Structures are given as structure tokens and as C-alpha cells.
C-alpha atoms as a PDB file:
ATOM      1  CA  MET A   1      77.083  62.717 125.461  1.00  0.00           C
ATOM      2  CA  VAL A   2      80.477  64.000 126.583  1.00  0.00           C
ATOM      3  CA  LYS A   3      83.216  64.602 124.015  1.00  0.00           C
ATOM      4  CA  PRO A   4      86.636  63.204 124.853  1.00  0.00           C
ATOM      5  CA  THR A   5      89.171  65.970 125.508  1.00  0.00           C
ATOM      6  CA  ASN A   6      92.316  64.098 124.512  1.00  0.00           C
ATOM      7  CA  ILE A   7      91.557  63.983 120.767  1.00  0.00           C
ATOM      8  CA  ARG A   8      93.378  66.669 118.768  1.00  0.00           C
ATOM      9  CA  LYS A   9      92.658  67.779 115.243  1.00  0.00           C
ATOM     10  CA  ALA A  10      95.399  68.310 112.687  1.00  0.00           C
ATOM     11  CA  PRO A  11      96.083  71.993 111.982  1.00  0.00           C
ATOM     12  CA  ALA A  12      94.526  73.324 108.792  1.00  0.00           C
ATOM     13  CA  ALA A  13      97.949  74.079 107.286  1.00  0.00           C
ATOM     14  CA  ALA A  14      99.036  70.447 107.648  1.00  0.00           C
ATOM     15  CA  VAL A  15      96.140  69.094 105.602  1.00  0.00           C
ATOM     16  CA  GLY A  16      97.399  68.294 102.102  1.00  0.00           C
ATOM     17  CA  ALA A  17     100.939  69.422 102.941  1.00  0.00           C
ATOM     18  CA  GLY A  18     102.361  65.981 102.141  1.00  0.00           C
ATOM     19  CA  LEU A  19     101.357  66.082  98.467  1.00  0.00           C
ATOM     20  CA  GLN A  20     104.478  66.163  96.292  1.00  0.00           C
ATOM     21  CA  LEU A  21     103.870  67.456  92.766  1.00  0.00           C
ATOM     22  CA  GLU A  22     106.325  67.725  89.892  1.00  0.00           C
ATOM     23  CA  PRO A  23     106.675  71.204  88.317  1.00  0.00           C
ATOM     24  CA  HIS A  24     104.805  70.131  85.179  1.00  0.00           C
ATOM     25  CA  GLN A  25     101.946  68.875  87.388  1.00  0.00           C
ATOM     26  CA  VAL A  26     101.704  72.133  89.343  1.00  0.00           C
ATOM     27  CA  LEU A  27     101.222  74.387  86.293  1.00  0.00           C
ATOM     28  CA  ILE A  28      98.319  73.151  84.176  1.00  0.00           C
ATOM     29  CA  ARG A  29      98.270  75.898  81.544  1.00  0.00           C
ATOM     30  CA  PRO A  30      98.982  79.595  81.093  1.00  0.00           C
ATOM     31  CA  LEU A  31      95.942  81.866  80.984  1.00  0.00           C
ATOM     32  CA  VAL A  32      96.249  83.978  77.856  1.00  0.00           C
ATOM     33  CA  THR A  33      93.522  86.613  78.062  1.00  0.00           C
ATOM     34  CA  GLU A  34      93.261  90.307  77.283  1.00  0.00           C
ATOM     35  CA  LYS A  35      93.745  91.171  80.934  1.00  0.00           C
ATOM     36  CA  GLY A  36      96.655  88.722  81.176  1.00  0.00           C
ATOM     37  CA  VAL A  37      98.450  90.236  78.177  1.00  0.00           C
ATOM     38  CA  HIS A  38      97.970  93.696  79.706  1.00  0.00           C
ATOM     39  CA  ARG A  39      99.417  92.507  83.041  1.00  0.00           C
ATOM     40  CA  ALA A  40     102.357  90.851  81.309  1.00  0.00           C
ATOM     41  CA  SER A  41     103.289  93.907  79.264  1.00  0.00           C
ATOM     42  CA  ARG A  42     102.823  96.546  81.996  1.00  0.00           C
ATOM     43  CA  ASN A  43     103.461  94.780  85.317  1.00  0.00           C
ATOM     44  CA  ASN A  44     105.495  91.696  84.327  1.00  0.00           C
ATOM     45  CA  GLN A  45     102.832  89.416  85.871  1.00  0.00           C
ATOM     46  CA  TYR A  46     101.638  86.149  84.347  1.00  0.00           C
ATOM     47  CA  ALA A  47      98.542  84.072  85.142  1.00  0.00           C
ATOM     48  CA  PHE A  48      98.402  80.281  85.233  1.00  0.00           C
ATOM     49  CA  GLU A  49      95.819  77.644  85.978  1.00  0.00           C
ATOM     50  CA  VAL A  50      97.404  75.507  88.689  1.00  0.00           C
ATOM     51  CA  HIS A  51      96.695  72.266  90.538  1.00  0.00           C
ATOM     52  CA  MET A  52      94.040  72.746  93.225  1.00  0.00           C
ATOM     53  CA  GLN A  53      96.300  71.393  95.995  1.00  0.00           C
ATOM     54  CA  ALA A  54      99.440  73.304  94.974  1.00  0.00           C
ATOM     55  CA  HIS A  55     100.531  75.988  97.402  1.00  0.00           C
ATOM     56  CA  LYS A  56     102.422  79.215  96.726  1.00  0.00           C
ATOM     57  CA  LYS A  57     105.878  77.801  97.398  1.00  0.00           C
ATOM     58  CA  GLN A  58     105.303  74.933  94.933  1.00  0.00           C
ATOM     59  CA  ILE A  59     103.981  77.377  92.300  1.00  0.00           C
ATOM     60  CA  ARG A  60     107.025  79.647  92.746  1.00  0.00           C
ATOM     61  CA  GLU A  61     109.456  76.722  92.387  1.00  0.00           C
ATOM     62  CA  ALA A  62     107.626  75.327  89.342  1.00  0.00           C
ATOM     63  CA  VAL A  63     107.660  78.651  87.452  1.00  0.00           C
ATOM     64  CA  GLU A  64     111.329  79.264  88.293  1.00  0.00           C
ATOM     65  CA  LYS A  65     112.326  75.773  87.156  1.00  0.00           C
ATOM     66  CA  LEU A  66     110.211  75.514  83.990  1.00  0.00           C
ATOM     67  CA  PHE A  67     110.772  79.044  82.634  1.00  0.00           C
ATOM     68  CA  ASP A  68     114.213  79.821  84.152  1.00  0.00           C
ATOM     69  CA  VAL A  69     113.068  83.139  85.679  1.00  0.00           C
ATOM     70  CA  ARG A  70     113.117  84.765  89.129  1.00  0.00           C
ATOM     71  CA  VAL A  71     109.728  85.074  90.847  1.00  0.00           C
ATOM     72  CA  GLU A  72     109.057  87.993  93.200  1.00  0.00           C
ATOM     73  CA  GLY A  73     105.547  87.080  94.342  1.00  0.00           C
ATOM     74  CA  VAL A  74     102.660  84.672  93.902  1.00  0.00           C
ATOM     75  CA  ARG A  75      98.975  85.408  94.462  1.00  0.00           C
ATOM     76  CA  THR A  76      96.394  82.638  94.263  1.00  0.00           C
ATOM     77  CA  GLN A  77      92.639  82.424  94.087  1.00  0.00           C
ATOM     78  CA  VAL A  78      90.160  79.582  93.861  1.00  0.00           C
ATOM     79  CA  ARG A  79      87.652  80.241  91.114  1.00  0.00           C
ATOM     80  CA  LYS A  80      84.282  78.674  91.846  1.00  0.00           C
ATOM     81  CA  GLY A  81      82.562  76.699  89.098  1.00  0.00           C
ATOM     82  CA  LYS A  82      79.447  78.032  87.439  1.00  0.00           C
ATOM     83  CA  SER A  83      76.037  76.451  87.037  1.00  0.00           C
ATOM     84  CA  ARG A  84      75.486  75.349  83.459  1.00  0.00           C
ATOM     85  CA  ARG A  85      72.563  73.809  81.672  1.00  0.00           C
ATOM     86  CA  TYR A  86      73.166  70.606  79.732  1.00  0.00           C
ATOM     87  CA  ARG A  87      70.029  70.002  77.666  1.00  0.00           C
ATOM     88  CA  THR A  88      67.314  69.328  80.246  1.00  0.00           C
ATOM     89  CA  THR A  89      69.470  68.986  83.366  1.00  0.00           C
ATOM     90  CA  MET A  90      71.479  71.482  85.334  1.00  0.00           C
ATOM     91  CA  GLY A  91      75.177  70.814  85.812  1.00  0.00           C
ATOM     92  CA  ARG A  92      78.130  72.597  87.296  1.00  0.00           C
ATOM     93  CA  THR A  93      81.611  73.306  85.990  1.00  0.00           C
ATOM     94  CA  SER A  94      84.564  72.384  88.176  1.00  0.00           C
ATOM     95  CA  ASP A  95      86.246  74.733  90.600  1.00  0.00           C
ATOM     96  CA  TRP A  96      89.787  75.679  89.568  1.00  0.00           C
ATOM     97  CA  LYS A  97      92.760  77.502  91.020  1.00  0.00           C
ATOM     98  CA  LYS A  98      94.393  80.522  89.435  1.00  0.00           C
ATOM     99  CA  ALA A  99      97.838  81.898  90.252  1.00  0.00           C
ATOM    100  CA  VAL A 100      99.162  85.334  89.284  1.00  0.00           C
ATOM    101  CA  VAL A 101     102.967  85.270  89.329  1.00  0.00           C
ATOM    102  CA  ALA A 102     104.960  88.521  89.510  1.00  0.00           C
ATOM    103  CA  LEU A 103     108.445  88.269  88.021  1.00  0.00           C
ATOM    104  CA  ALA A 104     111.599  90.247  88.712  1.00  0.00           C
ATOM    105  CA  PRO A 105     112.160  93.187  86.328  1.00  0.00           C
ATOM    106  CA  GLU A 106     114.964  91.397  84.458  1.00  0.00           C
ATOM    107  CA  SER A 107     112.882  88.220  83.916  1.00  0.00           C
ATOM    108  CA  LYS A 108     110.433  87.631  81.078  1.00  0.00           C
ATOM    109  CA  ILE A 109     108.276  84.755  79.789  1.00  0.00           C
ATOM    110  CA  ASN A 110     107.572  84.688  76.043  1.00  0.00           C
ATOM    111  CA  PHE A 111     104.499  82.623  75.230  1.00  0.00           C
ATOM    112  CA  PHE A 112     102.292  85.341  73.742  1.00  0.00           C
END
């Protein structure tokens, strides 16, 4: 069978680009952990659980709008879910997205 040559795929960057999220939908919750408190106090970086389809620009705008701070950089990672046992069956926790937001030196978020 011959594949038609005139069919084009959408670029990977365009997939999901049309999703418009409000700032309170982008940031799900702050991640308050020992490592997060250390990052906040030493490096002025804060970690958040974010919407899986949110991209870095949306995360930057959401943090700036909700906390009235200036963001210098955003790093994201998708955390894979773990296998868990529920009584006699095996299950799996959901994948989730984490964002580490670096703020400008004069900016600060106080939720600790």
C-alpha cells in the first residue's frame, strides 16, 4: 500500500497550543516540602503543581498575576505516576506536572 504524500501532520508544538487556561487553573497548588523551603530561602525558587497542558509562558504569567512578583525563569518536569497496590489489585497514580519558578531578587512569595 502506498502512503499519500500530500497529507501533512501538525507540528508537535501546535498540539494543545489552543488551550486557554485562567491563572487559577494553571497553578493547582504550591509544593511545600523540605527541599522546596530550602530552595525558597536560598535561591528564591518556588515549586508548584501545575496543569498538565500548561506551558512555561502560561505558568510565568499565572505566577506574576496571582502573586504580583517578577519571574526570571520557569523549569518544568512531568512526574510519572507510581504503581500502587489497592487491596488485591494493582493500580497506578496519575502523572502530574511540576514547575520550579525562579523569581527576581526583589520578589518574594510568603506562603510558608
